[in-house]
């Protein structure tokens, strides 16, 4: 069942949507390009479908998922891979760690290097 709500103007519809949790999908029926652009920019939803319903789920190259109460993450295509994957950073220290040389308190050697190469400090 798909509920259909009618409004006198689009501002009423935007007010109604903004007063509720973010929708999983937003279905907008309009021929007005300005209303379409405004809906895309001002309504946070998992997906926006213009002049059609439910077809976005069947598109394997489009991400599908919600925001907020309607769900977390995106499924399908590359976004689905990223949702169910975890990128891990790996750092291997191959040489002696010299980072400590650049933190205070400085040793005498660092003071000499600073005085020689950065005399303006």
PDB file of N, CA and C in Angstrom:
ATOM      1  N   UNK A   1       0.841  -1.154   0.000  1.00  0.00           N
ATOM      2  CA  UNK A   1       0.000   0.000   0.000  1.00  0.00           C
ATOM      3  C   UNK A   1       0.894   1.226   0.000  1.00  0.00           C
ATOM      4  N   UNK A   2       0.622   2.151  -0.873  1.00  0.00           N
ATOM      5  CA  UNK A   2       1.370   3.392  -0.972  1.00  0.00           C
ATOM      6  C   UNK A   2       0.424   4.535  -0.619  1.00  0.00           C
ATOM      7  N   UNK A   3       0.665   5.208   0.496  1.00  0.00           N
ATOM      8  CA  UNK A   3      -0.222   6.323   0.847  1.00  0.00           C
ATOM      9  C   UNK A   3       0.016   7.504  -0.083  1.00  0.00           C
ATOM     10  N   UNK A   4      -1.056   8.148  -0.449  1.00  0.00           N
ATOM     11  CA  UNK A   4      -0.972   9.335  -1.295  1.00  0.00           C
ATOM     12  C   UNK A   4      -1.602  10.485  -0.525  1.00  0.00           C
ATOM     13  N   UNK A   5      -0.811  11.537  -0.311  1.00  0.00           N
ATOM     14  CA  UNK A   5      -1.289  12.720   0.388  1.00  0.00           C
ATOM     15  C   UNK A   5      -1.314  13.874  -0.604  1.00  0.00           C
ATOM     16  N   UNK A   6      -2.335  14.684  -0.544  1.00  0.00           N
ATOM     17  CA  UNK A   6      -2.438  15.825  -1.459  1.00  0.00           C
ATOM     18  C   UNK A   6      -2.301  17.126  -0.673  1.00  0.00           C
ATOM     19  N   UNK A   7      -1.848  18.169  -1.363  1.00  0.00           N
ATOM     20  CA  UNK A   7      -1.615  19.469  -0.746  1.00  0.00           C
ATOM     21  C   UNK A   7      -2.001  20.563  -1.711  1.00  0.00           C
ATOM     22  N   UNK A   8      -2.270  21.731  -1.147  1.00  0.00           N
ATOM     23  CA  UNK A   8      -2.604  22.888  -1.977  1.00  0.00           C
ATOM     24  C   UNK A   8      -1.371  23.464  -2.651  1.00  0.00           C
ATOM     25  N   UNK A   9      -0.247  23.426  -1.943  1.00  0.00           N
ATOM     26  CA  UNK A   9       0.997  23.915  -2.536  1.00  0.00           C
ATOM     27  C   UNK A   9       2.162  23.102  -1.978  1.00  0.00           C
ATOM     28  N   UNK A  10       3.282  23.186  -2.629  1.00  0.00           N
ATOM     29  CA  UNK A  10       4.420  22.345  -2.261  1.00  0.00           C
ATOM     30  C   UNK A  10       4.989  22.699  -0.896  1.00  0.00           C
ATOM     31  N   UNK A  11       4.821  23.946  -0.454  1.00  0.00           N
ATOM     32  CA  UNK A  11       5.311  24.328   0.872  1.00  0.00           C
ATOM     33  C   UNK A  11       4.627  23.518   1.972  1.00  0.00           C
ATOM     34  N   UNK A  12       3.343  23.241   1.819  1.00  0.00           N
ATOM     35  CA  UNK A  12       2.624  22.406   2.787  1.00  0.00           C
ATOM     36  C   UNK A  12       3.234  21.005   2.835  1.00  0.00           C
ATOM     37  N   UNK A  13       3.555  20.464   1.687  1.00  0.00           N
ATOM     38  CA  UNK A  13       4.151  19.127   1.627  1.00  0.00           C
ATOM     39  C   UNK A  13       5.529  19.127   2.292  1.00  0.00           C
ATOM     40  N   UNK A  14       6.336  20.141   2.023  1.00  0.00           N
ATOM     41  CA  UNK A  14       7.664  20.229   2.634  1.00  0.00           C
ATOM     42  C   UNK A  14       7.545  20.339   4.151  1.00  0.00           C
ATOM     43  N   UNK A  15       6.618  21.147   4.635  1.00  0.00           N
ATOM     44  CA  UNK A  15       6.403  21.276   6.079  1.00  0.00           C
ATOM     45  C   UNK A  15       6.026  19.933   6.691  1.00  0.00           C
ATOM     46  N   UNK A  16       5.126  19.205   6.043  1.00  0.00           N
ATOM     47  CA  UNK A  16       4.700  17.891   6.527  1.00  0.00           C
ATOM     48  C   UNK A  16       5.890  16.932   6.620  1.00  0.00           C
ATOM     49  N   UNK A  17       6.713  16.908   5.582  1.00  0.00           N
ATOM     50  CA  UNK A  17       7.864  16.000   5.536  1.00  0.00           C
ATOM     51  C   UNK A  17       8.899  16.377   6.592  1.00  0.00           C
ATOM     52  N   UNK A  18       9.161  17.666   6.738  1.00  0.00           N
ATOM     53  CA  UNK A  18      10.178  18.112   7.694  1.00  0.00           C
ATOM     54  C   UNK A  18       9.777  17.869   9.147  1.00  0.00           C
ATOM     55  N   UNK A  19       8.500  17.689   9.420  1.00  0.00           N
ATOM     56  CA  UNK A  19       8.031  17.448  10.783  1.00  0.00           C
ATOM     57  C   UNK A  19       8.105  15.971  11.183  1.00  0.00           C
ATOM     58  N   UNK A  20       8.551  15.114  10.290  1.00  0.00           N
ATOM     59  CA  UNK A  20       8.576  13.675  10.535  1.00  0.00           C
ATOM     60  C   UNK A  20       9.973  13.108  10.304  1.00  0.00           C
ATOM     61  N   UNK A  21      10.189  11.856  10.714  1.00  0.00           N
ATOM     62  CA  UNK A  21      11.498  11.237  10.430  1.00  0.00           C
ATOM     63  C   UNK A  21      11.772  11.189   8.927  1.00  0.00           C
ATOM     64  N   UNK A  22      13.010  11.169   8.581  1.00  0.00           N
ATOM     65  CA  UNK A  22      13.414  11.166   7.168  1.00  0.00           C
ATOM     66  C   UNK A  22      12.905   9.911   6.466  1.00  0.00           C
ATOM     67  N   UNK A  23      12.328  10.079   5.291  1.00  0.00           N
ATOM     68  CA  UNK A  23      11.767   8.918   4.582  1.00  0.00           C
ATOM     69  C   UNK A  23      12.834   8.076   3.888  1.00  0.00           C
ATOM     70  N   UNK A  24      12.522   6.788   3.744  1.00  0.00           N
ATOM     71  CA  UNK A  24      13.399   5.897   2.997  1.00  0.00           C
ATOM     72  C   UNK A  24      13.428   6.308   1.530  1.00  0.00           C
ATOM     73  N   UNK A  25      12.266   6.643   1.001  1.00  0.00           N
ATOM     74  CA  UNK A  25      12.186   7.088  -0.394  1.00  0.00           C
ATOM     75  C   UNK A  25      11.220   8.255  -0.480  1.00  0.00           C
ATOM     76  N   UNK A  26      11.495   9.142  -1.411  1.00  0.00           N
ATOM     77  CA  UNK A  26      10.636  10.295  -1.662  1.00  0.00           C
ATOM     78  C   UNK A  26      10.159  10.184  -3.103  1.00  0.00           C
ATOM     79  N   UNK A  27       8.853  10.156  -3.283  1.00  0.00           N
ATOM     80  CA  UNK A  27       8.271  10.062  -4.625  1.00  0.00           C
ATOM     81  C   UNK A  27       7.588  11.386  -4.924  1.00  0.00           C
ATOM     82  N   UNK A  28       8.086  12.076  -5.915  1.00  0.00           N
ATOM     83  CA  UNK A  28       7.564  13.386  -6.292  1.00  0.00           C
ATOM     84  C   UNK A  28       6.959  13.290  -7.689  1.00  0.00           C
ATOM     85  N   UNK A  29       5.724  13.732  -7.788  1.00  0.00           N
ATOM     86  CA  UNK A  29       5.053  13.772  -9.088  1.00  0.00           C
ATOM     87  C   UNK A  29       4.864  15.230  -9.468  1.00  0.00           C
ATOM     88  N   UNK A  30       5.614  15.668 -10.475  1.00  0.00           N
ATOM     89  CA  UNK A  30       5.563  17.068 -10.886  1.00  0.00           C
ATOM     90  C   UNK A  30       6.110  17.215 -12.300  1.00  0.00           C
ATOM     91  N   UNK A  31       5.720  18.275 -12.940  1.00  0.00           N
ATOM     92  CA  UNK A  31       6.306  18.666 -14.215  1.00  0.00           C
ATOM     93  C   UNK A  31       7.134  19.935 -14.025  1.00  0.00           C
ATOM     94  N   UNK A  32       7.158  20.434 -12.792  1.00  0.00           N
ATOM     95  CA  UNK A  32       7.833  21.684 -12.470  1.00  0.00           C
ATOM     96  C   UNK A  32       9.292  21.391 -12.075  1.00  0.00           C
ATOM     97  N   UNK A  33      10.216  21.825 -12.924  1.00  0.00           N
ATOM     98  CA  UNK A  33      11.642  21.565 -12.687  1.00  0.00           C
ATOM     99  C   UNK A  33      12.157  22.274 -11.431  1.00  0.00           C
ATOM    100  N   UNK A  34      11.617  23.430 -11.112  1.00  0.00           N
ATOM    101  CA  UNK A  34      12.045  24.158  -9.911  1.00  0.00           C
ATOM    102  C   UNK A  34      11.638  23.390  -8.655  1.00  0.00           C
ATOM    103  N   UNK A  35      10.421  22.834  -8.634  1.00  0.00           N
ATOM    104  CA  UNK A  35       9.984  22.034  -7.487  1.00  0.00           C
ATOM    105  C   UNK A  35      10.825  20.768  -7.365  1.00  0.00           C
ATOM    106  N   UNK A  36      11.156  20.195  -8.491  1.00  0.00           N
ATOM    107  CA  UNK A  36      11.989  18.984  -8.500  1.00  0.00           C
ATOM    108  C   UNK A  36      13.367  19.283  -7.901  1.00  0.00           C
ATOM    109  N   UNK A  37      13.974  20.372  -8.344  1.00  0.00           N
ATOM    110  CA  UNK A  37      15.296  20.753  -7.835  1.00  0.00           C
ATOM    111  C   UNK A  37      15.226  21.094  -6.352  1.00  0.00           C
ATOM    112  N   UNK A  38      14.196  21.797  -5.950  1.00  0.00           N
ATOM    113  CA  UNK A  38      14.025  22.166  -4.543  1.00  0.00           C
ATOM    114  C   UNK A  38      13.865  20.911  -3.669  1.00  0.00           C
ATOM    115  N   UNK A  39      13.095  19.957  -4.133  1.00  0.00           N
ATOM    116  CA  UNK A  39      12.895  18.710  -3.401  1.00  0.00           C
ATOM    117  C   UNK A  39      14.216  17.961  -3.264  1.00  0.00           C
ATOM    118  N   UNK A  40      14.986  17.914  -4.328  1.00  0.00           N
ATOM    119  CA  UNK A  40      16.274  17.226  -4.297  1.00  0.00           C
ATOM    120  C   UNK A  40      17.214  17.858  -3.280  1.00  0.00           C
ATOM    121  N   UNK A  41      17.196  19.177  -3.182  1.00  0.00           N
ATOM    122  CA  UNK A  41      18.108  19.879  -2.284  1.00  0.00           C
ATOM    123  C   UNK A  41      17.612  19.963  -0.846  1.00  0.00           C
ATOM    124  N   UNK A  42      16.298  20.023  -0.633  1.00  0.00           N
ATOM    125  CA  UNK A  42      15.775  20.326   0.696  1.00  0.00           C
ATOM    126  C   UNK A  42      15.165  19.153   1.453  1.00  0.00           C
ATOM    127  N   UNK A  43      14.938  18.043   0.799  1.00  0.00           N
ATOM    128  CA  UNK A  43      14.356  16.889   1.480  1.00  0.00           C
ATOM    129  C   UNK A  43      15.438  15.819   1.629  1.00  0.00           C
ATOM    130  N   UNK A  44      15.747  15.461   2.866  1.00  0.00           N
ATOM    131  CA  UNK A  44      16.718  14.393   3.120  1.00  0.00           C
ATOM    132  C   UNK A  44      15.969  13.069   3.111  1.00  0.00           C
ATOM    133  N   UNK A  45      16.315  12.220   2.162  1.00  0.00           N
ATOM    134  CA  UNK A  45      15.673  10.909   2.062  1.00  0.00           C
ATOM    135  C   UNK A  45      16.680   9.920   1.491  1.00  0.00           C
ATOM    136  N   UNK A  46      16.363   8.636   1.645  1.00  0.00           N
ATOM    137  CA  UNK A  46      17.255   7.616   1.100  1.00  0.00           C
ATOM    138  C   UNK A  46      17.376   7.705  -0.403  1.00  0.00           C
ATOM    139  N   UNK A  47      16.267   7.975  -1.070  1.00  0.00           N
ATOM    140  CA  UNK A  47      16.284   8.161  -2.520  1.00  0.00           C
ATOM    141  C   UNK A  47      15.153   9.101  -2.907  1.00  0.00           C
ATOM    142  N   UNK A  48      15.289   9.694  -4.075  1.00  0.00           N
ATOM    143  CA  UNK A  48      14.254  10.558  -4.644  1.00  0.00           C
ATOM    144  C   UNK A  48      13.909   9.983  -6.007  1.00  0.00           C
ATOM    145  N   UNK A  49      12.629   9.741  -6.232  1.00  0.00           N
ATOM    146  CA  UNK A  49      12.152   9.236  -7.518  1.00  0.00           C
ATOM    147  C   UNK A  49      11.129  10.239  -8.034  1.00  0.00           C
ATOM    148  N   UNK A  50      11.341  10.699  -9.257  1.00  0.00           N
ATOM    149  CA  UNK A  50      10.457  11.706  -9.843  1.00  0.00           C
ATOM    150  C   UNK A  50       9.568  11.045 -10.889  1.00  0.00           C
ATOM    151  N   UNK A  51       8.266  11.223 -10.717  1.00  0.00           N
ATOM    152  CA  UNK A  51       7.241  10.744 -11.647  1.00  0.00           C
ATOM    153  C   UNK A  51       7.248   9.225 -11.840  1.00  0.00           C
ATOM    154  N   UNK A  52       7.565   8.492 -10.785  1.00  0.00           N
ATOM    155  CA  UNK A  52       7.568   7.037 -10.816  1.00  0.00           C
ATOM    156  C   UNK A  52       7.593   6.549  -9.366  1.00  0.00           C
ATOM    157  N   UNK A  53       7.316   5.279  -9.132  1.00  0.00           N
ATOM    158  CA  UNK A  53       7.411   4.735  -7.783  1.00  0.00           C
ATOM    159  C   UNK A  53       8.170   3.418  -7.782  1.00  0.00           C
ATOM    160  N   UNK A  54       8.922   3.185  -6.749  1.00  0.00           N
ATOM    161  CA  UNK A  54       9.576   1.935  -6.395  1.00  0.00           C
ATOM    162  C   UNK A  54      10.623   1.450  -7.408  1.00  0.00           C
ATOM    163  N   UNK A  55      10.721   2.039  -8.547  1.00  0.00           N
ATOM    164  CA  UNK A  55      11.625   1.558  -9.593  1.00  0.00           C
ATOM    165  C   UNK A  55      13.099   1.650  -9.188  1.00  0.00           C
ATOM    166  N   UNK A  56      13.438   2.540  -8.247  1.00  0.00           N
ATOM    167  CA  UNK A  56      14.839   2.696  -7.854  1.00  0.00           C
ATOM    168  C   UNK A  56      15.405   1.429  -7.217  1.00  0.00           C
ATOM    169  N   UNK A  57      14.566   0.619  -6.590  1.00  0.00           N
ATOM    170  CA  UNK A  57      15.026  -0.613  -5.941  1.00  0.00           C
ATOM    171  C   UNK A  57      15.532  -1.606  -6.972  1.00  0.00           C
ATOM    172  N   UNK A  58      14.969  -1.591  -8.155  1.00  0.00           N
ATOM    173  CA  UNK A  58      15.326  -2.552  -9.201  1.00  0.00           C
ATOM    174  C   UNK A  58      16.534  -2.114 -10.030  1.00  0.00           C
ATOM    175  N   UNK A  59      17.091  -0.955  -9.735  1.00  0.00           N
ATOM    176  CA  UNK A  59      18.240  -0.463 -10.489  1.00  0.00           C
ATOM    177  C   UNK A  59      19.523  -0.872  -9.766  1.00  0.00           C
ATOM    178  N   UNK A  60      20.233  -1.878 -10.267  1.00  0.00           N
ATOM    179  CA  UNK A  60      21.391  -2.403  -9.537  1.00  0.00           C
ATOM    180  C   UNK A  60      22.554  -1.425  -9.405  1.00  0.00           C
ATOM    181  N   UNK A  61      22.614  -0.398 -10.243  1.00  0.00           N
ATOM    182  CA  UNK A  61      23.720   0.554 -10.175  1.00  0.00           C
ATOM    183  C   UNK A  61      23.437   1.738  -9.262  1.00  0.00           C
ATOM    184  N   UNK A  62      22.230   1.823  -8.722  1.00  0.00           N
ATOM    185  CA  UNK A  62      21.901   2.912  -7.803  1.00  0.00           C
ATOM    186  C   UNK A  62      22.010   2.435  -6.364  1.00  0.00           C
ATOM    187  N   UNK A  63      22.554   3.282  -5.485  1.00  0.00           N
ATOM    188  CA  UNK A  63      22.563   2.895  -4.075  1.00  0.00           C
ATOM    189  C   UNK A  63      21.143   2.927  -3.529  1.00  0.00           C
ATOM    190  N   UNK A  64      20.844   2.050  -2.574  1.00  0.00           N
ATOM    191  CA  UNK A  64      19.525   2.038  -1.957  1.00  0.00           C
ATOM    192  C   UNK A  64      19.709   1.904  -0.459  1.00  0.00           C
ATOM    193  N   UNK A  65      19.142   2.799   0.289  1.00  0.00           N
ATOM    194  CA  UNK A  65      19.235   2.769   1.745  1.00  0.00           C
ATOM    195  C   UNK A  65      18.695   4.064   2.293  1.00  0.00           C
ATOM    196  N   UNK A  66      18.507   4.105   3.591  1.00  0.00           N
ATOM    197  CA  UNK A  66      17.891   5.258   4.207  1.00  0.00           C
ATOM    198  C   UNK A  66      18.860   6.156   4.935  1.00  0.00           C
ATOM    199  N   UNK A  67      18.292   7.174   5.551  1.00  0.00           N
ATOM    200  CA  UNK A  67      19.029   8.089   6.417  1.00  0.00           C
ATOM    201  C   UNK A  67      18.215   8.254   7.695  1.00  0.00           C
ATOM    202  N   UNK A  68      18.893   8.316   8.815  1.00  0.00           N
ATOM    203  CA  UNK A  68      18.189   8.486  10.078  1.00  0.00           C
ATOM    204  C   UNK A  68      17.335   7.277  10.419  1.00  0.00           C
ATOM    205  N   UNK A  69      16.083   7.529  10.812  1.00  0.00           N
ATOM    206  CA  UNK A  69      15.186   6.459  11.255  1.00  0.00           C
ATOM    207  C   UNK A  69      14.823   5.478  10.135  1.00  0.00           C
ATOM    208  N   UNK A  70      14.986   5.881   8.881  1.00  0.00           N
ATOM    209  CA  UNK A  70      14.607   4.995   7.775  1.00  0.00           C
ATOM    210  C   UNK A  70      15.695   3.988   7.422  1.00  0.00           C
ATOM    211  N   UNK A  71      16.808   4.044   8.101  1.00  0.00           N
ATOM    212  CA  UNK A  71      17.857   3.062   7.849  1.00  0.00           C
ATOM    213  C   UNK A  71      19.227   3.690   7.817  1.00  0.00           C
ATOM    214  N   UNK A  72      20.215   2.844   7.802  1.00  0.00           N
ATOM    215  CA  UNK A  72      21.592   3.315   7.773  1.00  0.00           C
ATOM    216  C   UNK A  72      22.325   2.581   6.668  1.00  0.00           C
ATOM    217  N   UNK A  73      23.103   3.307   5.918  1.00  0.00           N
ATOM    218  CA  UNK A  73      23.912   2.659   4.894  1.00  0.00           C
ATOM    219  C   UNK A  73      23.252   2.683   3.539  1.00  0.00           C
ATOM    220  N   UNK A  74      23.991   2.199   2.576  1.00  0.00           N
ATOM    221  CA  UNK A  74      23.496   2.135   1.208  1.00  0.00           C
ATOM    222  C   UNK A  74      23.825   0.753   0.664  1.00  0.00           C
ATOM    223  N   UNK A  75      22.894   0.194  -0.061  1.00  0.00           N
ATOM    224  CA  UNK A  75      23.052  -1.148  -0.595  1.00  0.00           C
ATOM    225  C   UNK A  75      22.908  -1.084  -2.107  1.00  0.00           C
ATOM    226  N   UNK A  76      23.438  -2.051  -2.790  1.00  0.00           N
ATOM    227  CA  UNK A  76      23.509  -2.165  -4.250  1.00  0.00           C
ATOM    228  C   UNK A  76      24.825  -1.542  -4.718  1.00  0.00           C
ATOM    229  N   UNK A  77      25.310  -2.051  -5.783  1.00  0.00           N
ATOM    230  CA  UNK A  77      26.468  -1.519  -6.500  1.00  0.00           C
ATOM    231  C   UNK A  77      27.663  -1.301  -5.576  1.00  0.00           C
ATOM    232  N   UNK A  78      28.483  -0.338  -5.912  1.00  0.00           N
ATOM    233  CA  UNK A  78      29.702  -0.057  -5.149  1.00  0.00           C
ATOM    234  C   UNK A  78      29.387   0.382  -3.726  1.00  0.00           C
ATOM    235  N   UNK A  79      28.292   1.129  -3.532  1.00  0.00           N
ATOM    236  CA  UNK A  79      27.927   1.588  -2.195  1.00  0.00           C
ATOM    237  C   UNK A  79      27.621   0.415  -1.268  1.00  0.00           C
ATOM    238  N   UNK A  80      27.013  -0.626  -1.792  1.00  0.00           N
ATOM    239  CA  UNK A  80      26.754  -1.819  -0.987  1.00  0.00           C
ATOM    240  C   UNK A  80      28.040  -2.497  -0.564  1.00  0.00           C
ATOM    241  N   UNK A  81      29.003  -2.563  -1.472  1.00  0.00           N
ATOM    242  CA  UNK A  81      30.302  -3.130  -1.134  1.00  0.00           C
ATOM    243  C   UNK A  81      30.948  -2.333  -0.012  1.00  0.00           C
ATOM    244  N   UNK A  82      30.902  -1.002  -0.123  1.00  0.00           N
ATOM    245  CA  UNK A  82      31.514  -0.159   0.899  1.00  0.00           C
ATOM    246  C   UNK A  82      30.777  -0.264   2.237  1.00  0.00           C
ATOM    247  N   UNK A  83      29.450  -0.411   2.210  1.00  0.00           N
ATOM    248  CA  UNK A  83      28.673  -0.533   3.442  1.00  0.00           C
ATOM    249  C   UNK A  83      29.082  -1.767   4.229  1.00  0.00           C
ATOM    250  N   UNK A  84      29.303  -2.877   3.530  1.00  0.00           N
ATOM    251  CA  UNK A  84      29.603  -4.124   4.205  1.00  0.00           C
ATOM    252  C   UNK A  84      31.102  -4.425   4.278  1.00  0.00           C
ATOM    253  N   UNK A  85      31.919  -3.440   3.953  1.00  0.00           N
ATOM    254  CA  UNK A  85      33.369  -3.602   4.016  1.00  0.00           C
ATOM    255  C   UNK A  85      33.936  -2.633   5.041  1.00  0.00           C
ATOM    256  N   UNK A  86      35.145  -2.900   5.416  1.00  0.00           N
ATOM    257  CA  UNK A  86      35.836  -1.972   6.310  1.00  0.00           C
ATOM    258  C   UNK A  86      37.234  -1.763   5.768  1.00  0.00           C
ATOM    259  N   UNK A  87      37.519  -0.532   5.408  1.00  0.00           N
ATOM    260  CA  UNK A  87      38.861  -0.204   4.949  1.00  0.00           C
ATOM    261  C   UNK A  87      39.777  -0.063   6.156  1.00  0.00           C
ATOM    262  N   UNK A  88      40.902  -0.730   6.112  1.00  0.00           N
ATOM    263  CA  UNK A  88      41.833  -0.680   7.234  1.00  0.00           C
ATOM    264  C   UNK A  88      43.103   0.025   6.793  1.00  0.00           C
ATOM    265  N   UNK A  89      43.524   0.998   7.569  1.00  0.00           N
ATOM    266  CA  UNK A  89      44.802   1.633   7.271  1.00  0.00           C
ATOM    267  C   UNK A  89      45.914   0.841   7.937  1.00  0.00           C
ATOM    268  N   UNK A  90      47.030   0.716   7.240  1.00  0.00           N
ATOM    269  CA  UNK A  90      48.181  -0.017   7.759  1.00  0.00           C
ATOM    270  C   UNK A  90      49.397   0.879   7.603  1.00  0.00           C
ATOM    271  N   UNK A  91      50.114   1.096   8.695  1.00  0.00           N
ATOM    272  CA  UNK A  91      51.331   1.891   8.671  1.00  0.00           C
ATOM    273  C   UNK A  91      52.457   1.034   9.212  1.00  0.00           C
ATOM    274  N   UNK A  92      53.521   0.936   8.462  1.00  0.00           N
ATOM    275  CA  UNK A  92      54.692   0.197   8.922  1.00  0.00           C
ATOM    276  C   UNK A  92      55.855   1.167   9.041  1.00  0.00           C
ATOM    277  N   UNK A  93      56.450   1.237  10.211  1.00  0.00           N
ATOM    278  CA  UNK A  93      57.592   2.109  10.439  1.00  0.00           C
ATOM    279  C   UNK A  93      58.844   1.360  10.004  1.00  0.00           C
ATOM    280  N   UNK A  94      59.441   1.725   8.896  1.00  0.00           N
ATOM    281  CA  UNK A  94      60.577   0.991   8.336  1.00  0.00           C
ATOM    282  C   UNK A  94      61.926   1.543   8.814  1.00  0.00           C
ATOM    283  N   UNK A  95      61.941   2.782   9.238  1.00  0.00           N
ATOM    284  CA  UNK A  95      63.187   3.399   9.720  1.00  0.00           C
ATOM    285  C   UNK A  95      62.969   3.812  11.165  1.00  0.00           C
ATOM    286  N   UNK A  96      64.024   4.169  11.869  1.00  0.00           N
ATOM    287  CA  UNK A  96      63.812   4.626  13.243  1.00  0.00           C
ATOM    288  C   UNK A  96      62.831   5.787  13.280  1.00  0.00           C
ATOM    289  N   UNK A  97      61.992   5.796  14.295  1.00  0.00           N
ATOM    290  CA  UNK A  97      60.973   6.827  14.424  1.00  0.00           C
ATOM    291  C   UNK A  97      61.618   8.133  14.865  1.00  0.00           C
ATOM    292  N   UNK A  98      61.602   9.123  13.976  1.00  0.00           N
ATOM    293  CA  UNK A  98      62.217  10.417  14.274  1.00  0.00           C
ATOM    294  C   UNK A  98      61.187  11.473  14.666  1.00  0.00           C
ATOM    295  N   UNK A  99      59.944  11.101  14.752  1.00  0.00           N
ATOM    296  CA  UNK A  99      58.894  12.069  15.075  1.00  0.00           C
ATOM    297  C   UNK A  99      59.152  12.700  16.438  1.00  0.00           C
ATOM    298  N   UNK A 100      59.637  11.933  17.385  1.00  0.00           N
ATOM    299  CA  UNK A 100      59.899  12.450  18.725  1.00  0.00           C
ATOM    300  C   UNK A 100      60.918  13.571  18.748  1.00  0.00           C
ATOM    301  N   UNK A 101      61.814  13.625  17.758  1.00  0.00           N
ATOM    302  CA  UNK A 101      62.809  14.700  17.692  1.00  0.00           C
ATOM    303  C   UNK A 101      62.178  16.068  17.488  1.00  0.00           C
ATOM    304  N   UNK A 102      61.003  16.091  16.925  1.00  0.00           N
ATOM    305  CA  UNK A 102      60.370  17.358  16.591  1.00  0.00           C
ATOM    306  C   UNK A 102      59.372  17.833  17.638  1.00  0.00           C
ATOM    307  N   UNK A 103      59.299  17.110  18.748  1.00  0.00           N
ATOM    308  CA  UNK A 103      58.403  17.500  19.837  1.00  0.00           C
ATOM    309  C   UNK A 103      59.225  18.011  21.017  1.00  0.00           C
ATOM    310  N   UNK A 104      58.733  19.043  21.698  1.00  0.00           N
ATOM    311  CA  UNK A 104      59.448  19.501  22.882  1.00  0.00           C
ATOM    312  C   UNK A 104      59.356  18.469  23.990  1.00  0.00           C
ATOM    313  N   UNK A 105      60.248  18.424  24.930  1.00  0.00           N
ATOM    314  CA  UNK A 105      61.430  19.305  25.032  1.00  0.00           C
ATOM    315  C   UNK A 105      62.507  18.859  24.038  1.00  0.00           C
ATOM    316  N   UNK A 106      63.138  19.842  23.400  1.00  0.00           N
ATOM    317  CA  UNK A 106      64.121  19.538  22.375  1.00  0.00           C
ATOM    318  C   UNK A 106      65.479  19.220  23.006  1.00  0.00           C
ATOM    319  N   UNK A 107      66.187  18.311  22.406  1.00  0.00           N
ATOM    320  CA  UNK A 107      67.542  17.979  22.834  1.00  0.00           C
ATOM    321  C   UNK A 107      68.498  19.022  22.261  1.00  0.00           C
ATOM    322  N   UNK A 108      69.746  19.010  22.728  1.00  0.00           N
ATOM    323  CA  UNK A 108      70.737  19.997  22.272  1.00  0.00           C
ATOM    324  C   UNK A 108      70.960  19.930  20.758  1.00  0.00           C
ATOM    325  N   UNK A 109      70.975  18.715  20.204  1.00  0.00           N
ATOM    326  CA  UNK A 109      71.211  18.566  18.771  1.00  0.00           C
ATOM    327  C   UNK A 109      70.133  19.297  17.970  1.00  0.00           C
ATOM    328  N   UNK A 110      68.903  19.176  18.380  1.00  0.00           N
ATOM    329  CA  UNK A 110      67.810  19.853  17.683  1.00  0.00           C
ATOM    330  C   UNK A 110      67.955  21.361  17.799  1.00  0.00           C
ATOM    331  N   UNK A 111      68.367  21.848  18.971  1.00  0.00           N
ATOM    332  CA  UNK A 111      68.590  23.288  19.127  1.00  0.00           C
ATOM    333  C   UNK A 111      69.667  23.778  18.165  1.00  0.00           C
ATOM    334  N   UNK A 112      70.732  23.013  18.012  1.00  0.00           N
ATOM    335  CA  UNK A 112      71.812  23.413  17.090  1.00  0.00           C
ATOM    336  C   UNK A 112      71.317  23.418  15.641  1.00  0.00           C
ATOM    337  N   UNK A 113      70.532  22.416  15.271  1.00  0.00           N
ATOM    338  CA  UNK A 113      69.996  22.348  13.903  1.00  0.00           C
ATOM    339  C   UNK A 113      69.078  23.541  13.649  1.00  0.00           C
ATOM    340  N   UNK A 114      68.232  23.845  14.614  1.00  0.00           N
ATOM    341  CA  UNK A 114      67.310  24.975  14.460  1.00  0.00           C
ATOM    342  C   UNK A 114      68.084  26.274  14.330  1.00  0.00           C
ATOM    343  N   UNK A 115      69.083  26.477  15.168  1.00  0.00           N
ATOM    344  CA  UNK A 115      69.881  27.714  15.118  1.00  0.00           C
ATOM    345  C   UNK A 115      70.629  27.846  13.794  1.00  0.00           C
ATOM    346  N   UNK A 116      71.103  26.709  13.260  1.00  0.00           N
ATOM    347  CA  UNK A 116      71.886  26.757  12.019  1.00  0.00           C
ATOM    348  C   UNK A 116      70.986  26.964  10.789  1.00  0.00           C
ATOM    349  N   UNK A 117      69.884  26.237  10.709  1.00  0.00           N
ATOM    350  CA  UNK A 117      69.066  26.266   9.488  1.00  0.00           C
ATOM    351  C   UNK A 117      67.862  27.198   9.568  1.00  0.00           C
ATOM    352  N   UNK A 118      67.489  27.577  10.774  1.00  0.00           N
ATOM    353  CA  UNK A 118      66.370  28.501  10.928  1.00  0.00           C
ATOM    354  C   UNK A 118      66.768  29.641  11.870  1.00  0.00           C
ATOM    355  N   UNK A 119      67.765  30.408  11.506  1.00  0.00           N
ATOM    356  CA  UNK A 119      68.246  31.452  12.423  1.00  0.00           C
ATOM    357  C   UNK A 119      67.216  32.574  12.638  1.00  0.00           C
ATOM    358  N   UNK A 120      66.258  32.657  11.758  1.00  0.00           N
ATOM    359  CA  UNK A 120      65.232  33.715  11.874  1.00  0.00           C
ATOM    360  C   UNK A 120      64.213  33.424  12.965  1.00  0.00           C
ATOM    361  N   UNK A 121      64.237  32.226  13.572  1.00  0.00           N
ATOM    362  CA  UNK A 121      63.274  31.884  14.621  1.00  0.00           C
ATOM    363  C   UNK A 121      63.639  32.445  15.933  1.00  0.00           C
TER     364      UNK A 121
END
